[in-house]
Amino acid sequence: MRSTWTAAWVAVAVLVCLPAWAADAPVPVRIRVLQGFRQGAPGVPPGLEDLRGQLSATAYVRWEQAGEMQASMVPKKPVSVSLPGGGSVSVTLVEARQGAATFEVSAPGSRTQSRVTVPPGKRIVQQVSAEQGGSAWFVTIKAGG
């Protein structure tokens, strides 16, 4: 009887601790830098086909990818993403849960800061600069590979 209770308590302890271990595990993240244009021939280049639905919902009609990085992110450790022209964006994993990862996206040059939650395998598109001359900079964040 005693070994049954001991086994039950060990099982409960493992189940209680499991979410904490998963929350601290690195999250694979893909970050892309895009430039959206309001003018020009509408189109999404072949490398951005996976974003077509999200990009076509914006006021921008033409898109170009300017950069990409892969990162293994842990909570509270920002990753700096360079923008063409000298600016940068800071992306911080705020929280990782089994069903989603929450990121803080901060662009000091345009004084913007936002929190976005991304389910595993999904992505968000976030504008990170003010529009200048009919174009603006965006980052996409895809959590979970």
Protein backbone atom coordinates (compact mmCIF):
# COMPACT_ATOMS: atom_id res chain seq x y z
CA MET A 1 0.00 0.00 0.00
CA ARG A 2 2.83 2.36 0.88
CA SER A 3 4.52 1.86 -2.51
CA THR A 4 1.23 2.66 -4.27
CA TRP A 5 0.96 5.98 -2.43
CA THR A 6 4.60 6.78 -3.11
CA ALA A 7 4.15 6.07 -6.81
CA ALA A 8 1.01 8.25 -6.88
CA TRP A 9 2.81 11.17 -5.22
CA VAL A 10 5.75 10.87 -7.61
CA ALA A 11 3.35 10.91 -10.57
CA VAL A 12 1.60 14.03 -9.20
CA ALA A 13 4.95 15.76 -8.65
CA VAL A 14 6.06 15.01 -12.20
CA LEU A 15 2.80 16.29 -13.68
CA VAL A 16 2.93 19.48 -11.59
CA CYS A 17 6.55 20.19 -12.57
CA LEU A 18 6.20 19.28 -16.26
CA PRO A 19 4.61 22.58 -17.39
CA ALA A 20 7.41 24.55 -15.70
CA TRP A 21 10.06 22.56 -17.54
CA ALA A 22 8.26 23.03 -20.86
CA ALA A 23 7.88 26.77 -20.22
CA ASP A 24 11.65 27.17 -19.77
CA ALA A 25 12.57 25.14 -22.84
CA PRO A 26 13.95 27.11 -25.81
CA VAL A 27 11.39 27.93 -28.48
CA PRO A 28 12.55 27.76 -32.12
CA VAL A 29 11.54 31.00 -33.84
CA ARG A 30 11.76 32.25 -37.43
CA ILE A 31 11.81 36.03 -37.85
CA ARG A 32 11.63 37.66 -41.27
CA VAL A 33 12.00 41.35 -42.15
CA LEU A 34 9.66 42.55 -44.89
CA GLN A 35 9.09 45.82 -46.68
CA GLY A 36 5.57 46.58 -47.78
CA PHE A 37 4.76 49.09 -50.52
CA ARG A 38 1.46 50.86 -51.20
CA GLN A 39 2.36 51.44 -54.86
CA GLY A 40 3.45 49.14 -57.63
CA ALA A 41 2.30 45.93 -59.22
CA PRO A 42 0.48 43.90 -56.57
CA GLY A 43 2.25 40.72 -55.66
CA VAL A 44 3.79 38.45 -53.10
CA PRO A 45 7.13 36.93 -54.13
CA PRO A 46 7.40 33.11 -54.13
CA GLY A 47 9.35 33.06 -50.84
CA LEU A 48 6.46 34.76 -49.05
CA GLU A 49 3.61 32.57 -50.31
CA ASP A 50 3.00 31.23 -46.80
CA LEU A 51 2.12 34.80 -45.75
CA ARG A 52 -0.18 35.63 -48.68
CA GLY A 53 -3.38 35.60 -46.61
CA GLN A 54 -1.99 37.89 -43.93
CA LEU A 55 -0.18 40.25 -46.30
CA SER A 56 -3.17 40.69 -48.60
CA ALA A 57 -5.24 41.85 -45.60
CA THR A 58 -3.07 44.98 -45.25
CA ALA A 59 -3.12 48.26 -47.17
CA TYR A 60 0.20 47.35 -48.80
CA VAL A 61 0.13 45.75 -52.25
CA ARG A 62 3.73 44.76 -52.98
CA TRP A 63 6.14 42.95 -50.69
CA GLU A 64 9.87 42.22 -50.54
CA GLN A 65 11.80 40.20 -47.99
CA ALA A 66 14.88 42.03 -46.70
CA GLY A 67 16.16 39.55 -44.13
CA GLU A 68 15.57 36.43 -42.10
CA MET A 69 16.91 34.86 -38.94
CA GLN A 70 16.36 31.68 -36.95
CA ALA A 71 16.65 31.83 -33.18
CA SER A 72 16.22 29.51 -30.25
CA MET A 73 14.57 31.89 -27.79
CA VAL A 74 14.14 31.62 -24.05
CA PRO A 75 11.84 33.83 -21.97
CA LYS A 76 12.98 37.36 -21.11
CA LYS A 77 16.06 37.33 -23.41
CA PRO A 78 15.57 39.77 -26.30
CA VAL A 79 16.83 39.16 -29.82
CA SER A 80 17.82 42.18 -31.88
CA VAL A 81 16.68 42.20 -35.50
CA SER A 82 18.40 44.69 -37.83
CA LEU A 83 16.34 46.71 -40.27
CA PRO A 84 17.84 48.02 -43.51
CA GLY A 85 18.82 51.64 -43.08
CA GLY A 86 20.21 51.27 -39.58
CA GLY A 87 17.16 50.70 -37.38
CA SER A 88 16.48 47.66 -35.26
CA VAL A 89 13.64 45.78 -33.62
CA SER A 90 13.82 43.90 -30.34
CA VAL A 91 11.83 40.66 -30.09
CA THR A 92 11.47 39.12 -26.63
CA LEU A 93 9.81 35.84 -25.76
CA VAL A 94 7.61 36.79 -22.82
CA GLU A 95 5.97 33.44 -22.16
CA ALA A 96 5.90 30.00 -23.74
CA ARG A 97 2.98 27.68 -23.09
CA GLN A 98 2.00 24.44 -24.73
CA GLY A 99 -0.64 26.17 -26.87
CA ALA A 100 1.11 29.46 -27.72
CA ALA A 101 4.11 31.76 -27.31
CA THR A 102 3.76 35.43 -26.41
CA PHE A 103 6.30 37.90 -27.76
CA GLU A 104 6.98 41.56 -27.12
CA VAL A 105 8.00 43.46 -30.25
CA SER A 106 9.69 46.78 -29.62
CA ALA A 107 10.86 49.21 -32.29
CA PRO A 108 12.55 52.16 -30.56
CA GLY A 109 12.98 54.09 -33.81
CA SER A 110 9.23 54.34 -34.31
CA ARG A 111 8.38 54.26 -30.60
CA THR A 112 6.17 51.21 -30.98
CA GLN A 113 5.82 48.31 -28.60
CA SER A 114 3.29 45.52 -28.73
CA ARG A 115 2.62 42.03 -27.41
CA VAL A 116 1.52 39.29 -29.75
CA THR A 117 0.60 35.67 -29.08
CA VAL A 118 1.47 33.08 -31.70
CA PRO A 119 0.15 29.48 -31.68
CA PRO A 120 2.74 26.79 -32.58
CA GLY A 121 3.36 26.60 -36.31
CA LYS A 122 1.49 29.88 -36.97
CA ARG A 123 2.89 33.33 -37.63
CA ILE A 124 2.05 36.99 -37.16
CA VAL A 125 2.91 40.02 -39.25
CA GLN A 126 3.72 43.16 -37.26
CA GLN A 127 4.44 46.64 -38.65
CA VAL A 128 7.57 48.02 -36.95
CA SER A 129 8.12 51.38 -38.64
CA ALA A 130 6.15 54.41 -39.61
CA GLU A 131 5.28 54.63 -43.28
CA GLN A 132 7.72 56.74 -45.29
CA GLY A 133 7.40 57.38 -49.00
CA GLY A 134 4.65 54.79 -49.38
CA SER A 135 6.45 51.91 -47.67
CA ALA A 136 6.93 50.51 -44.18
CA TRP A 137 8.91 47.77 -42.44
CA PHE A 138 7.35 44.66 -40.94
CA VAL A 139 8.54 41.59 -39.08
CA THR A 140 6.93 38.19 -39.14
CA ILE A 141 7.35 35.85 -36.23
CA LYS A 142 6.71 32.12 -36.48
CA ALA A 143 7.02 30.08 -33.31
CA GLY A 144 7.69 26.38 -33.13
CA GLY A 145 9.71 25.85 -36.27
